[in-house]
Amino acid sequence: MITIVTCSNDAEASMLQSLLEANGIPAFLPDALTAQTAVHFAGSGCRIQVPEDRVDEARRILADAEAEAADDEDPEAAD
């Protein structure tokens, strides 16, 4: 498993994990339990990991989602 992104909290990580899994990419949050139960130990964030052979596809999906979210926030960007 390869870490593709580190999120600031477990809610964000869970949302991105769901996005990846909805696109057929297995995603693992190795820090999820720590982030939920020992917040003071989770200061380094919550990592999302995917299989090595799916890294490029996973990064593309996350980049597309980020671009779409940016377009939704700035309606003039779509012009």
C-alpha atoms as a PDB file:
ATOM      1  CA  MET A   1       0.000   0.000   0.000  1.00  0.00           C
ATOM      2  CA  ILE A   2       1.204   3.490  -0.924  1.00  0.00           C
ATOM      3  CA  THR A   3       0.182   6.724   0.803  1.00  0.00           C
ATOM      4  CA  ILE A   4      -1.324   9.050  -1.796  1.00  0.00           C
ATOM      5  CA  VAL A   5      -2.538  11.856   0.464  1.00  0.00           C
ATOM      6  CA  THR A   6      -2.578  12.899   4.109  1.00  0.00           C
ATOM      7  CA  CYS A   7      -5.764  14.573   5.301  1.00  0.00           C
ATOM      8  CA  SER A   8      -6.074  16.986   8.195  1.00  0.00           C
ATOM      9  CA  ASN A   9      -8.820  14.944   9.874  1.00  0.00           C
ATOM     10  CA  ASP A  10     -10.555  11.586   9.740  1.00  0.00           C
ATOM     11  CA  ALA A  11     -13.796  13.017   8.311  1.00  0.00           C
ATOM     12  CA  GLU A  12     -11.997  14.321   5.226  1.00  0.00           C
ATOM     13  CA  ALA A  13     -10.082  11.054   4.896  1.00  0.00           C
ATOM     14  CA  SER A  14     -13.291   9.009   5.134  1.00  0.00           C
ATOM     15  CA  MET A  15     -14.943  11.122   2.447  1.00  0.00           C
ATOM     16  CA  LEU A  16     -12.006  10.640   0.069  1.00  0.00           C
ATOM     17  CA  GLN A  17     -11.847   6.930   0.895  1.00  0.00           C
ATOM     18  CA  SER A  18     -15.517   6.647  -0.085  1.00  0.00           C
ATOM     19  CA  LEU A  19     -14.834   8.489  -3.349  1.00  0.00           C
ATOM     20  CA  LEU A  20     -11.992   6.146  -4.238  1.00  0.00           C
ATOM     21  CA  GLU A  21     -13.945   3.027  -3.312  1.00  0.00           C
ATOM     22  CA  ALA A  22     -16.943   4.249  -5.340  1.00  0.00           C
ATOM     23  CA  ASN A  23     -14.553   4.303  -8.304  1.00  0.00           C
ATOM     24  CA  GLY A  24     -13.398   0.755  -7.641  1.00  0.00           C
ATOM     25  CA  ILE A  25     -10.128   1.557  -5.887  1.00  0.00           C
ATOM     26  CA  PRO A  26      -9.501  -0.130  -2.535  1.00  0.00           C
ATOM     27  CA  ALA A  27      -8.459   2.518   0.002  1.00  0.00           C
ATOM     28  CA  PHE A  28      -7.113   2.034   3.516  1.00  0.00           C
ATOM     29  CA  LEU A  29      -6.898   4.557   6.360  1.00  0.00           C
ATOM     30  CA  PRO A  30      -4.140   3.246   8.631  1.00  0.00           C
ATOM     31  CA  ASP A  31      -4.517   6.188  11.034  1.00  0.00           C
ATOM     32  CA  ALA A  32      -8.322   6.234  11.283  1.00  0.00           C
ATOM     33  CA  LEU A  33      -8.602   4.534  14.652  1.00  0.00           C
ATOM     34  CA  THR A  34      -5.880   6.699  16.173  1.00  0.00           C
ATOM     35  CA  ALA A  35      -7.433   9.867  14.749  1.00  0.00           C
ATOM     36  CA  GLN A  36     -10.814   8.989  16.249  1.00  0.00           C
ATOM     37  CA  THR A  37      -9.728   7.746  19.673  1.00  0.00           C
ATOM     38  CA  ALA A  38      -6.518   9.591  20.460  1.00  0.00           C
ATOM     39  CA  VAL A  39      -6.840  12.979  18.817  1.00  0.00           C
ATOM     40  CA  HIS A  40      -3.703  14.308  20.516  1.00  0.00           C
ATOM     41  CA  PHE A  41      -1.659  11.572  18.755  1.00  0.00           C
ATOM     42  CA  ALA A  42      -3.176  12.269  15.342  1.00  0.00           C
ATOM     43  CA  GLY A  43      -1.510  15.633  14.808  1.00  0.00           C
ATOM     44  CA  SER A  44       0.303  14.398  11.729  1.00  0.00           C
ATOM     45  CA  GLY A  45      -2.955  13.759   9.885  1.00  0.00           C
ATOM     46  CA  CYS A  46      -4.801  10.769   8.531  1.00  0.00           C
ATOM     47  CA  ARG A  47      -3.185   8.948   5.605  1.00  0.00           C
ATOM     48  CA  ILE A  48      -5.023   7.362   2.677  1.00  0.00           C
ATOM     49  CA  GLN A  49      -3.272   4.380   1.129  1.00  0.00           C
ATOM     50  CA  VAL A  50      -4.052   2.459  -2.053  1.00  0.00           C
ATOM     51  CA  PRO A  51      -2.469  -0.538  -3.778  1.00  0.00           C
ATOM     52  CA  GLU A  52       0.722   0.366  -5.629  1.00  0.00           C
ATOM     53  CA  ASP A  53      -0.751  -0.553  -9.023  1.00  0.00           C
ATOM     54  CA  ARG A  54      -3.674   1.890  -8.519  1.00  0.00           C
ATOM     55  CA  VAL A  55      -1.727   4.968  -7.346  1.00  0.00           C
ATOM     56  CA  ASP A  56      -1.895   6.915 -10.632  1.00  0.00           C
ATOM     57  CA  GLU A  57      -5.604   6.242 -11.079  1.00  0.00           C
ATOM     58  CA  ALA A  58      -6.355   7.203  -7.467  1.00  0.00           C
ATOM     59  CA  ARG A  59      -4.409  10.458  -7.752  1.00  0.00           C
ATOM     60  CA  ARG A  60      -6.269  11.318 -10.965  1.00  0.00           C
ATOM     61  CA  ILE A  61      -9.644  10.719  -9.295  1.00  0.00           C
ATOM     62  CA  LEU A  62      -8.714  12.925  -6.340  1.00  0.00           C
ATOM     63  CA  ALA A  63      -7.358  15.657  -8.648  1.00  0.00           C
ATOM     64  CA  ASP A  64     -10.549  15.586 -10.732  1.00  0.00           C
ATOM     65  CA  ALA A  65     -12.666  15.840  -7.578  1.00  0.00           C
ATOM     66  CA  GLU A  66     -10.585  18.758  -6.304  1.00  0.00           C
ATOM     67  CA  ALA A  67     -10.910  20.569  -9.639  1.00  0.00           C
ATOM     68  CA  GLU A  68     -14.661  19.996  -9.668  1.00  0.00           C
ATOM     69  CA  ALA A  69     -14.969  21.322  -6.112  1.00  0.00           C
ATOM     70  CA  ALA A  70     -12.956  24.422  -7.067  1.00  0.00           C
ATOM     71  CA  ASP A  71     -15.273  25.019 -10.035  1.00  0.00           C
ATOM     72  CA  ASP A  72     -18.291  24.719  -7.745  1.00  0.00           C
ATOM     73  CA  GLU A  73     -16.804  27.325  -5.378  1.00  0.00           C
ATOM     74  CA  ASP A  74     -15.898  29.766  -8.173  1.00  0.00           C
ATOM     75  CA  PRO A  75     -18.639  29.894 -10.830  1.00  0.00           C
ATOM     76  CA  GLU A  76     -16.556  32.271 -12.975  1.00  0.00           C
ATOM     77  CA  ALA A  77     -13.824  29.622 -13.326  1.00  0.00           C
ATOM     78  CA  ALA A  78     -16.114  27.605 -15.591  1.00  0.00           C
ATOM     79  CA  ASP A  79     -16.440  30.484 -18.090  1.00  0.00           C
END
